[in-house]
C-alpha atoms as a PDB file:
ATOM      1  CA  MET A   1      56.347 -40.497-105.093  1.00  0.00           C
ATOM      2  CA  SER A   2      57.668 -38.025-102.528  1.00  0.00           C
ATOM      3  CA  GLU A   3      54.239 -36.354-102.297  1.00  0.00           C
ATOM      4  CA  LEU A   4      52.601 -39.674-101.606  1.00  0.00           C
ATOM      5  CA  LEU A   5      55.117 -40.536 -98.903  1.00  0.00           C
ATOM      6  CA  ASP A   6      54.666 -37.101 -97.332  1.00  0.00           C
ATOM      7  CA  ALA A   7      50.911 -37.665 -97.289  1.00  0.00           C
ATOM      8  CA  VAL A   8      51.384 -41.053 -95.628  1.00  0.00           C
ATOM      9  CA  ASP A   9      53.730 -39.514 -93.046  1.00  0.00           C
ATOM     10  CA  ALA A  10      51.108 -36.865 -92.303  1.00  0.00           C
ATOM     11  CA  LEU A  11      48.521 -39.583 -91.677  1.00  0.00           C
ATOM     12  CA  LEU A  12      50.900 -41.430 -89.368  1.00  0.00           C
ATOM     13  CA  ALA A  13      51.677 -38.268 -87.418  1.00  0.00           C
ATOM     14  CA  ARG A  14      48.068 -37.285 -86.719  1.00  0.00           C
ATOM     15  CA  PRO A  15      48.060 -36.003 -83.138  1.00  0.00           C
ATOM     16  CA  ASP A  16      44.559 -37.212 -82.305  1.00  0.00           C
ATOM     17  CA  VAL A  17      44.720 -40.921 -83.108  1.00  0.00           C
ATOM     18  CA  MET A  18      44.681 -43.089 -80.008  1.00  0.00           C
ATOM     19  CA  PRO A  19      44.852 -46.861 -79.671  1.00  0.00           C
ATOM     20  CA  PRO A  20      41.683 -48.657 -78.550  1.00  0.00           C
ATOM     21  CA  PRO A  21      40.725 -48.207 -74.891  1.00  0.00           C
ATOM     22  CA  ASP A  22      41.803 -51.690 -73.793  1.00  0.00           C
ATOM     23  CA  VAL A  23      45.274 -51.057 -75.238  1.00  0.00           C
ATOM     24  CA  ARG A  24      45.518 -47.679 -73.473  1.00  0.00           C
ATOM     25  CA  ALA A  25      44.969 -49.309 -70.092  1.00  0.00           C
ATOM     26  CA  ARG A  26      47.404 -52.142 -70.816  1.00  0.00           C
ATOM     27  CA  LEU A  27      50.095 -49.654 -71.855  1.00  0.00           C
ATOM     28  CA  ARG A  28      49.691 -47.648 -68.649  1.00  0.00           C
ATOM     29  CA  LYS A  29      49.743 -50.780 -66.515  1.00  0.00           C
ATOM     30  CA  ALA A  30      52.803 -52.112 -68.369  1.00  0.00           C
ATOM     31  CA  ASP A  31      54.626 -48.970 -67.258  1.00  0.00           C
ATOM     32  CA  GLY A  32      53.508 -49.554 -63.665  1.00  0.00           C
ATOM     33  CA  LEU A  33      51.468 -46.381 -63.329  1.00  0.00           C
ATOM     34  CA  THR A  34      48.076 -45.807 -61.770  1.00  0.00           C
ATOM     35  CA  GLN A  35      45.310 -43.725 -63.291  1.00  0.00           C
ATOM     36  CA  GLU A  36      45.768 -41.278 -60.428  1.00  0.00           C
ATOM     37  CA  GLU A  37      49.477 -40.796 -61.206  1.00  0.00           C
ATOM     38  CA  VAL A  38      48.851 -40.092 -64.870  1.00  0.00           C
ATOM     39  CA  ALA A  39      45.884 -37.859 -64.095  1.00  0.00           C
ATOM     40  CA  GLY A  40      48.074 -35.830 -61.747  1.00  0.00           C
ATOM     41  CA  THR A  41      50.614 -35.249 -64.488  1.00  0.00           C
ATOM     42  CA  PHE A  42      47.866 -33.928 -66.753  1.00  0.00           C
ATOM     43  CA  GLY A  43      46.286 -31.856 -63.989  1.00  0.00           C
ATOM     44  CA  VAL A  44      42.932 -33.623 -64.253  1.00  0.00           C
ATOM     45  CA  THR A  45      40.958 -35.812 -61.877  1.00  0.00           C
ATOM     46  CA  ARG A  46      41.343 -39.574 -61.873  1.00  0.00           C
ATOM     47  CA  VAL A  47      37.731 -39.809 -63.053  1.00  0.00           C
ATOM     48  CA  ALA A  48      38.460 -37.565 -66.054  1.00  0.00           C
ATOM     49  CA  PHE A  49      41.509 -39.649 -66.949  1.00  0.00           C
ATOM     50  CA  HIS A  50      39.506 -42.855 -66.519  1.00  0.00           C
ATOM     51  CA  ARG A  51      37.033 -41.515 -69.090  1.00  0.00           C
ATOM     52  CA  TRP A  52      39.867 -40.863 -71.567  1.00  0.00           C
ATOM     53  CA  GLU A  53      41.358 -44.289 -71.008  1.00  0.00           C
ATOM     54  CA  THR A  54      38.055 -46.128 -71.401  1.00  0.00           C
ATOM     55  CA  GLY A  55      36.952 -44.100 -74.420  1.00  0.00           C
ATOM     56  CA  ILE A  56      33.939 -42.561 -72.681  1.00  0.00           C
ATOM     57  CA  ALA A  57      35.386 -39.101 -73.323  1.00  0.00           C
ATOM     58  CA  LYS A  58      38.142 -37.646 -75.462  1.00  0.00           C
ATOM     59  CA  PRO A  59      40.729 -35.280 -74.006  1.00  0.00           C
ATOM     60  CA  ARG A  60      40.421 -31.645 -74.996  1.00  0.00           C
ATOM     61  CA  ARG A  61      42.880 -30.394 -77.583  1.00  0.00           C
ATOM     62  CA  ARG A  62      45.403 -29.105 -75.014  1.00  0.00           C
ATOM     63  CA  HIS A  63      45.650 -32.557 -73.430  1.00  0.00           C
ATOM     64  CA  LEU A  64      45.030 -34.686 -76.517  1.00  0.00           C
ATOM     65  CA  GLU A  65      48.404 -34.255 -78.216  1.00  0.00           C
ATOM     66  CA  ALA A  66      50.255 -34.872 -74.959  1.00  0.00           C
ATOM     67  CA  TYR A  67      48.188 -37.983 -74.194  1.00  0.00           C
ATOM     68  CA  VAL A  68      48.751 -39.373 -77.692  1.00  0.00           C
ATOM     69  CA  ARG A  69      52.470 -38.690 -77.285  1.00  0.00           C
ATOM     70  CA  LEU A  70      52.465 -40.551 -73.966  1.00  0.00           C
ATOM     71  CA  LEU A  71      50.609 -43.509 -75.499  1.00  0.00           C
ATOM     72  CA  ASP A  72      53.045 -43.589 -78.441  1.00  0.00           C
ATOM     73  CA  GLY A  73      55.984 -43.536 -76.029  1.00  0.00           C
ATOM     74  CA  TRP A  74      54.543 -46.382 -74.011  1.00  0.00           C
ATOM     75  CA  ALA A  75      53.860 -48.360 -77.205  1.00  0.00           C
ATOM     76  CA  LYS A  76      57.516 -48.012 -78.217  1.00  0.00           C
ATOM     77  CA  LYS A  77      58.652 -48.929 -74.718  1.00  0.00           C
ATOM     78  CA  HIS A  78      56.269 -51.895 -74.427  1.00  0.00           C
ATOM     79  CA  PRO A  79      55.673 -53.206 -77.984  1.00  0.00           C
ATOM     80  CA  GLU A  80      54.455 -56.558 -76.664  1.00  0.00           C
ATOM     81  CA  VAL A  81      51.358 -54.815 -75.285  1.00  0.00           C
ATOM     82  CA  VAL A  82      50.150 -53.605 -78.679  1.00  0.00           C
ATOM     83  CA  GLN A  83      51.045 -56.700 -80.687  1.00  0.00           C
ATOM     84  CA  PRO A  84      48.149 -59.122 -81.192  1.00  0.00           C
ATOM     85  CA  THR A  85      48.623 -62.553 -79.655  1.00  0.00           C
ATOM     86  CA  PRO A  86      46.625 -65.715 -80.385  1.00  0.00           C
ATOM     87  CA  GLU A  87      44.392 -64.855 -77.404  1.00  0.00           C
ATOM     88  CA  ARG A  88      44.187 -61.160 -78.372  1.00  0.00           C
ATOM     89  CA  LYS A  89      43.801 -60.789 -82.123  1.00  0.00           C
ATOM     90  CA  ALA A  90      43.385 -57.427 -83.825  1.00  0.00           C
ATOM     91  CA  GLY A  91      39.851 -56.831 -85.109  1.00  0.00           C
END
């Protein structure tokens, strides 16, 4: 059973899994940050960050783990943003 649980933990800890684009934007906005502020932290342009947030592009490996970590942190800080509501049901 321990092997199975370890395998599940490994799936949960994947560093490249991001929430859907609409959730990414809601999480950032819930924390009161602009795309420009977050882009500055990552050392990329606002346009590049916008592409990550909207799902047009995926961050390169060196930014991906950090961006996923940021999204996870925001999700823990703002759980109401990722929970489906009657108006916003999970697909």
